[in-house]
């Protein structure tokens, strides 16, 4: 049950503590599954992370409707949503969801929930956020590692994600994990970058 992964650039090692519900330890950070009581804090962290790079409601990139269907979209549909805690305070988060549940590109900002083929082929890694005050401690790295581990456990073949040109640390983090760019799309003057990674 406990799995050590390689240390990354001098940061602590991610250690799996529990399988169900999943839990990890990364130095002083505890990573666990999202609970309904986390909603307000998680939504605020999402909004702060986007504001940090100048994204805002109505820009065609910013959207938050999935935060109001966490059970449906993440936790009951072969997905996952994890939070990272320091001293019981949520400072990081990230999600994993079936790619067929939410429309892509421009359509994302307008909502939608469209279950499609139940075959577990492609998952999206989304909502990767770290509180600005604790960035550059490897917490984003730990979340990507944990979410990739969960995706492999579910049997997904491909992981996809997107970020913007403005979110250069996120793009660099994904690239460090072997993700590659597949295309770019301009949405409201903001360049969205789509990336993916094969898992098998």
C-alpha atoms as a PDB file:
ATOM      1  CA  UNK A   1       0.000   0.000   0.000  1.00  0.00           C
ATOM      2  CA  UNK A   2       2.843   2.442   0.708  1.00  0.00           C
ATOM      3  CA  UNK A   3       4.694   3.472  -2.425  1.00  0.00           C
ATOM      4  CA  UNK A   4       7.737   5.708  -2.596  1.00  0.00           C
ATOM      5  CA  UNK A   5       8.328   7.644  -5.792  1.00  0.00           C
ATOM      6  CA  UNK A   6      11.622   9.181  -6.802  1.00  0.00           C
ATOM      7  CA  UNK A   7      12.594  12.452  -5.165  1.00  0.00           C
ATOM      8  CA  UNK A   8      12.377  15.458  -7.490  1.00  0.00           C
ATOM      9  CA  UNK A   9      15.048  18.175  -7.451  1.00  0.00           C
ATOM     10  CA  UNK A  10      15.681  17.891  -3.727  1.00  0.00           C
ATOM     11  CA  UNK A  11      12.012  17.916  -2.726  1.00  0.00           C
ATOM     12  CA  UNK A  12      10.532  15.279  -0.384  1.00  0.00           C
ATOM     13  CA  UNK A  13       9.304  11.923  -1.644  1.00  0.00           C
ATOM     14  CA  UNK A  14       5.617  11.291  -2.267  1.00  0.00           C
ATOM     15  CA  UNK A  15       4.496   8.418  -0.015  1.00  0.00           C
ATOM     16  CA  UNK A  16       1.179   6.592  -0.444  1.00  0.00           C
ATOM     17  CA  UNK A  17      -0.427   6.089   2.964  1.00  0.00           C
ATOM     18  CA  UNK A  18      -3.871   4.669   2.099  1.00  0.00           C
ATOM     19  CA  UNK A  19      -5.576   3.191  -0.942  1.00  0.00           C
ATOM     20  CA  UNK A  20      -9.266   3.846  -0.285  1.00  0.00           C
ATOM     21  CA  UNK A  21      -9.916   6.660   0.128  1.00  0.00           C
ATOM     22  CA  UNK A  22      -6.475   7.533  -1.235  1.00  0.00           C
ATOM     23  CA  UNK A  23      -4.048   9.499   0.878  1.00  0.00           C
ATOM     24  CA  UNK A  24      -0.421  10.537   0.465  1.00  0.00           C
ATOM     25  CA  UNK A  25       2.218  12.386   2.426  1.00  0.00           C
ATOM     26  CA  UNK A  26       4.696  14.757   0.774  1.00  0.00           C
ATOM     27  CA  UNK A  27       6.912  16.227   3.468  1.00  0.00           C
ATOM     28  CA  UNK A  28       4.550  18.332   5.594  1.00  0.00           C
ATOM     29  CA  UNK A  29       1.778  18.212   2.993  1.00  0.00           C
ATOM     30  CA  UNK A  30      -1.083  15.713   3.415  1.00  0.00           C
ATOM     31  CA  UNK A  31      -2.935  14.880   0.191  1.00  0.00           C
ATOM     32  CA  UNK A  32      -6.416  13.410   0.535  1.00  0.00           C
ATOM     33  CA  UNK A  33      -9.732  13.098  -1.309  1.00  0.00           C
ATOM     34  CA  UNK A  34     -12.019  16.118  -1.461  1.00  0.00           C
ATOM     35  CA  UNK A  35     -14.976  16.263   0.982  1.00  0.00           C
ATOM     36  CA  UNK A  36     -18.168  18.302   0.506  1.00  0.00           C
ATOM     37  CA  UNK A  37     -17.136  20.501   3.451  1.00  0.00           C
ATOM     38  CA  UNK A  38     -14.089  21.628   1.424  1.00  0.00           C
ATOM     39  CA  UNK A  39     -16.222  23.309  -1.247  1.00  0.00           C
ATOM     40  CA  UNK A  40     -15.877  26.965  -0.231  1.00  0.00           C
ATOM     41  CA  UNK A  41     -12.130  26.794   0.321  1.00  0.00           C
ATOM     42  CA  UNK A  42     -11.519  24.883  -2.907  1.00  0.00           C
ATOM     43  CA  UNK A  43     -13.583  27.324  -4.977  1.00  0.00           C
ATOM     44  CA  UNK A  44     -11.735  30.286  -3.436  1.00  0.00           C
ATOM     45  CA  UNK A  45      -8.365  28.647  -4.179  1.00  0.00           C
ATOM     46  CA  UNK A  46      -9.436  28.121  -7.793  1.00  0.00           C
ATOM     47  CA  UNK A  47     -10.479  31.764  -8.145  1.00  0.00           C
ATOM     48  CA  UNK A  48      -7.287  33.047  -6.528  1.00  0.00           C
ATOM     49  CA  UNK A  49      -5.132  30.885  -8.796  1.00  0.00           C
ATOM     50  CA  UNK A  50      -6.795  32.234 -11.931  1.00  0.00           C
ATOM     51  CA  UNK A  51      -6.727  35.835 -10.714  1.00  0.00           C
ATOM     52  CA  UNK A  52      -2.969  35.435 -10.171  1.00  0.00           C
ATOM     53  CA  UNK A  53      -2.522  35.102 -13.954  1.00  0.00           C
ATOM     54  CA  UNK A  54      -5.181  37.629 -14.917  1.00  0.00           C
ATOM     55  CA  UNK A  55      -8.051  35.275 -15.780  1.00  0.00           C
ATOM     56  CA  UNK A  56     -11.566  36.327 -14.784  1.00  0.00           C
ATOM     57  CA  UNK A  57     -15.236  35.347 -15.181  1.00  0.00           C
ATOM     58  CA  UNK A  58     -16.550  35.984 -18.676  1.00  0.00           C
ATOM     59  CA  UNK A  59     -13.219  35.718 -20.497  1.00  0.00           C
ATOM     60  CA  UNK A  60     -14.145  32.419 -22.159  1.00  0.00           C
ATOM     61  CA  UNK A  61     -11.393  30.529 -20.299  1.00  0.00           C
ATOM     62  CA  UNK A  62     -12.502  30.985 -16.708  1.00  0.00           C
ATOM     63  CA  UNK A  63     -15.318  28.699 -15.584  1.00  0.00           C
ATOM     64  CA  UNK A  64     -16.317  27.106 -12.289  1.00  0.00           C
ATOM     65  CA  UNK A  65     -19.589  25.212 -12.880  1.00  0.00           C
ATOM     66  CA  UNK A  66     -17.929  21.856 -12.215  1.00  0.00           C
ATOM     67  CA  UNK A  67     -17.288  22.916  -8.599  1.00  0.00           C
ATOM     68  CA  UNK A  68     -21.025  22.651  -8.027  1.00  0.00           C
ATOM     69  CA  UNK A  69     -21.184  19.041  -9.305  1.00  0.00           C
ATOM     70  CA  UNK A  70     -18.091  17.580  -7.644  1.00  0.00           C
ATOM     71  CA  UNK A  71     -19.710  14.244  -6.819  1.00  0.00           C
ATOM     72  CA  UNK A  72     -21.172  13.747 -10.304  1.00  0.00           C
ATOM     73  CA  UNK A  73     -18.177  14.887 -12.296  1.00  0.00           C
ATOM     74  CA  UNK A  74     -15.249  13.726 -10.178  1.00  0.00           C
ATOM     75  CA  UNK A  75     -16.077  11.292  -7.407  1.00  0.00           C
ATOM     76  CA  UNK A  76     -18.790   9.047  -8.877  1.00  0.00           C
ATOM     77  CA  UNK A  77     -17.540   8.808 -12.459  1.00  0.00           C
ATOM     78  CA  UNK A  78     -14.123   7.120 -12.354  1.00  0.00           C
ATOM     79  CA  UNK A  79     -12.439  10.356 -11.419  1.00  0.00           C
ATOM     80  CA  UNK A  80     -10.732  11.902  -8.435  1.00  0.00           C
ATOM     81  CA  UNK A  81     -10.369  15.258  -6.734  1.00  0.00           C
ATOM     82  CA  UNK A  82      -7.533  15.740  -4.280  1.00  0.00           C
ATOM     83  CA  UNK A  83      -6.675  18.483  -1.822  1.00  0.00           C
ATOM     84  CA  UNK A  84      -3.343  19.166  -0.157  1.00  0.00           C
ATOM     85  CA  UNK A  85      -3.354  20.306   3.466  1.00  0.00           C
ATOM     86  CA  UNK A  86      -0.767  22.035   5.640  1.00  0.00           C
ATOM     87  CA  UNK A  87      -1.807  22.014   9.306  1.00  0.00           C
ATOM     88  CA  UNK A  88      -5.367  21.098   8.195  1.00  0.00           C
ATOM     89  CA  UNK A  89      -5.552  24.124   5.884  1.00  0.00           C
ATOM     90  CA  UNK A  90      -6.133  23.439   2.185  1.00  0.00           C
ATOM     91  CA  UNK A  91      -3.329  24.993   0.146  1.00  0.00           C
ATOM     92  CA  UNK A  92      -3.340  22.890  -3.036  1.00  0.00           C
ATOM     93  CA  UNK A  93      -5.710  20.872  -5.181  1.00  0.00           C
ATOM     94  CA  UNK A  94      -6.175  19.017  -8.433  1.00  0.00           C
ATOM     95  CA  UNK A  95      -8.751  16.885 -10.192  1.00  0.00           C
ATOM     96  CA  UNK A  96      -9.069  13.987 -12.589  1.00  0.00           C
ATOM     97  CA  UNK A  97     -12.211  13.464 -14.664  1.00  0.00           C
ATOM     98  CA  UNK A  98     -13.426  11.464 -17.633  1.00  0.00           C
ATOM     99  CA  UNK A  99     -12.796  13.505 -20.765  1.00  0.00           C
ATOM    100  CA  UNK A 100     -16.292  12.891 -22.119  1.00  0.00           C
ATOM    101  CA  UNK A 101     -18.048  14.604 -19.204  1.00  0.00           C
ATOM    102  CA  UNK A 102     -17.273  18.240 -20.043  1.00  0.00           C
ATOM    103  CA  UNK A 103     -17.156  19.893 -23.470  1.00  0.00           C
ATOM    104  CA  UNK A 104     -13.833  21.246 -24.700  1.00  0.00           C
ATOM    105  CA  UNK A 105     -12.549  24.530 -26.058  1.00  0.00           C
ATOM    106  CA  UNK A 106     -14.916  27.513 -26.127  1.00  0.00           C
ATOM    107  CA  UNK A 107     -17.842  25.399 -24.890  1.00  0.00           C
ATOM    108  CA  UNK A 108     -16.281  24.809 -21.469  1.00  0.00           C
ATOM    109  CA  UNK A 109     -17.026  28.246 -20.120  1.00  0.00           C
ATOM    110  CA  UNK A 110     -20.737  27.798 -20.845  1.00  0.00           C
ATOM    111  CA  UNK A 111     -21.196  24.683 -18.761  1.00  0.00           C
ATOM    112  CA  UNK A 112     -22.417  21.320 -19.823  1.00  0.00           C
ATOM    113  CA  UNK A 113     -22.451  17.829 -18.494  1.00  0.00           C
ATOM    114  CA  UNK A 114     -22.556  15.218 -21.217  1.00  0.00           C
ATOM    115  CA  UNK A 115     -21.854  11.616 -20.228  1.00  0.00           C
ATOM    116  CA  UNK A 116     -20.691   9.722 -23.274  1.00  0.00           C
ATOM    117  CA  UNK A 117     -18.942   6.445 -23.916  1.00  0.00           C
ATOM    118  CA  UNK A 118     -18.261   4.830 -20.520  1.00  0.00           C
ATOM    119  CA  UNK A 119     -15.041   3.264 -21.854  1.00  0.00           C
ATOM    120  CA  UNK A 120     -12.182   4.512 -19.678  1.00  0.00           C
ATOM    121  CA  UNK A 121      -9.870   5.728 -22.398  1.00  0.00           C
ATOM    122  CA  UNK A 122      -9.055   9.381 -21.762  1.00  0.00           C
ATOM    123  CA  UNK A 123      -9.055  11.446 -18.584  1.00  0.00           C
ATOM    124  CA  UNK A 124      -8.413  15.115 -18.018  1.00  0.00           C
ATOM    125  CA  UNK A 125      -6.205  16.495 -15.265  1.00  0.00           C
ATOM    126  CA  UNK A 126      -7.768  19.768 -14.182  1.00  0.00           C
ATOM    127  CA  UNK A 127      -7.910  22.409 -11.467  1.00  0.00           C
ATOM    128  CA  UNK A 128      -4.263  22.130 -10.494  1.00  0.00           C
ATOM    129  CA  UNK A 129      -3.828  25.007  -8.053  1.00  0.00           C
ATOM    130  CA  UNK A 130      -1.351  25.883  -5.300  1.00  0.00           C
ATOM    131  CA  UNK A 131      -1.851  28.811  -2.935  1.00  0.00           C
ATOM    132  CA  UNK A 132       0.578  31.566  -4.035  1.00  0.00           C
ATOM    133  CA  UNK A 133       2.109  31.838  -0.546  1.00  0.00           C
ATOM    134  CA  UNK A 134       3.323  28.212  -0.666  1.00  0.00           C
ATOM    135  CA  UNK A 135       4.266  27.859  -4.323  1.00  0.00           C
ATOM    136  CA  UNK A 136       7.719  26.547  -5.343  1.00  0.00           C
ATOM    137  CA  UNK A 137       7.734  23.863  -2.642  1.00  0.00           C
ATOM    138  CA  UNK A 138       6.950  20.974  -4.989  1.00  0.00           C
ATOM    139  CA  UNK A 139       3.281  20.703  -4.010  1.00  0.00           C
ATOM    140  CA  UNK A 140       2.117  20.922  -7.627  1.00  0.00           C
ATOM    141  CA  UNK A 141       4.567  18.164  -8.498  1.00  0.00           C
ATOM    142  CA  UNK A 142       3.174  15.970  -5.716  1.00  0.00           C
ATOM    143  CA  UNK A 143      -0.403  16.460  -6.938  1.00  0.00           C
ATOM    144  CA  UNK A 144       0.467  15.654 -10.551  1.00  0.00           C
ATOM    145  CA  UNK A 145       2.232  12.495  -9.371  1.00  0.00           C
ATOM    146  CA  UNK A 146      -0.720  11.433  -7.215  1.00  0.00           C
ATOM    147  CA  UNK A 147      -3.273  12.128  -9.961  1.00  0.00           C
ATOM    148  CA  UNK A 148      -1.244  10.262 -12.580  1.00  0.00           C
ATOM    149  CA  UNK A 149      -1.098   7.334 -10.158  1.00  0.00           C
ATOM    150  CA  UNK A 150      -4.887   7.399  -9.776  1.00  0.00           C
ATOM    151  CA  UNK A 151      -5.426   7.621 -13.542  1.00  0.00           C
ATOM    152  CA  UNK A 152      -3.270   4.536 -14.049  1.00  0.00           C
ATOM    153  CA  UNK A 153      -5.209   2.696 -11.335  1.00  0.00           C
ATOM    154  CA  UNK A 154      -8.481   3.437 -13.131  1.00  0.00           C
ATOM    155  CA  UNK A 155      -6.997   2.095 -16.353  1.00  0.00           C
ATOM    156  CA  UNK A 156      -6.974   5.268 -18.430  1.00  0.00           C
ATOM    157  CA  UNK A 157      -4.844   5.169 -21.569  1.00  0.00           C
ATOM    158  CA  UNK A 158      -4.320   8.897 -22.152  1.00  0.00           C
ATOM    159  CA  UNK A 159      -4.209  11.933 -19.887  1.00  0.00           C
ATOM    160  CA  UNK A 160      -5.085  15.364 -21.238  1.00  0.00           C
ATOM    161  CA  UNK A 161      -4.921  18.843 -19.760  1.00  0.00           C
ATOM    162  CA  UNK A 162      -4.939  22.438 -20.837  1.00  0.00           C
ATOM    163  CA  UNK A 163      -3.439  25.620 -19.520  1.00  0.00           C
ATOM    164  CA  UNK A 164      -2.819  29.095 -20.855  1.00  0.00           C
ATOM    165  CA  UNK A 165       0.289  30.835 -22.109  1.00  0.00           C
ATOM    166  CA  UNK A 166       0.107  32.944 -18.950  1.00  0.00           C
ATOM    167  CA  UNK A 167       0.459  29.914 -16.681  1.00  0.00           C
ATOM    168  CA  UNK A 168       4.102  29.186 -17.470  1.00  0.00           C
ATOM    169  CA  UNK A 169       4.907  27.364 -14.180  1.00  0.00           C
ATOM    170  CA  UNK A 170       2.024  24.925 -14.789  1.00  0.00           C
ATOM    171  CA  UNK A 171       3.165  24.298 -18.360  1.00  0.00           C
ATOM    172  CA  UNK A 172       6.740  23.687 -17.200  1.00  0.00           C
ATOM    173  CA  UNK A 173       5.499  21.292 -14.524  1.00  0.00           C
ATOM    174  CA  UNK A 174       3.545  19.215 -17.023  1.00  0.00           C
ATOM    175  CA  UNK A 175       6.489  19.134 -19.409  1.00  0.00           C
ATOM    176  CA  UNK A 176       8.722  17.843 -16.598  1.00  0.00           C
ATOM    177  CA  UNK A 177       6.336  14.877 -16.344  1.00  0.00           C
ATOM    178  CA  UNK A 178       6.591  14.091 -20.057  1.00  0.00           C
ATOM    179  CA  UNK A 179       3.430  15.802 -21.279  1.00  0.00           C
ATOM    180  CA  UNK A 180       3.539  17.158 -24.839  1.00  0.00           C
ATOM    181  CA  UNK A 181       1.664  19.988 -26.523  1.00  0.00           C
ATOM    182  CA  UNK A 182      -0.983  18.959 -29.065  1.00  0.00           C
ATOM    183  CA  UNK A 183      -2.529  22.259 -30.133  1.00  0.00           C
ATOM    184  CA  UNK A 184      -3.280  25.878 -29.258  1.00  0.00           C
ATOM    185  CA  UNK A 185      -6.531  27.828 -29.376  1.00  0.00           C
ATOM    186  CA  UNK A 186      -7.133  31.541 -28.903  1.00  0.00           C
ATOM    187  CA  UNK A 187     -10.135  32.194 -26.649  1.00  0.00           C
ATOM    188  CA  UNK A 188     -10.999  35.826 -26.043  1.00  0.00           C
ATOM    189  CA  UNK A 189      -7.439  36.866 -26.832  1.00  0.00           C
ATOM    190  CA  UNK A 190      -5.976  34.319 -24.400  1.00  0.00           C
ATOM    191  CA  UNK A 191      -3.956  31.444 -25.843  1.00  0.00           C
ATOM    192  CA  UNK A 192      -5.045  28.088 -24.437  1.00  0.00           C
ATOM    193  CA  UNK A 193      -2.482  25.283 -24.734  1.00  0.00           C
ATOM    194  CA  UNK A 194      -3.658  21.654 -24.905  1.00  0.00           C
ATOM    195  CA  UNK A 195      -1.301  18.896 -23.765  1.00  0.00           C
ATOM    196  CA  UNK A 196      -1.438  15.156 -23.242  1.00  0.00           C
ATOM    197  CA  UNK A 197       0.475  12.163 -21.990  1.00  0.00           C
ATOM    198  CA  UNK A 198       0.103   8.452 -22.805  1.00  0.00           C
ATOM    199  CA  UNK A 199      -0.121   6.220 -19.738  1.00  0.00           C
ATOM    200  CA  UNK A 200       0.246   2.887 -21.567  1.00  0.00           C
END
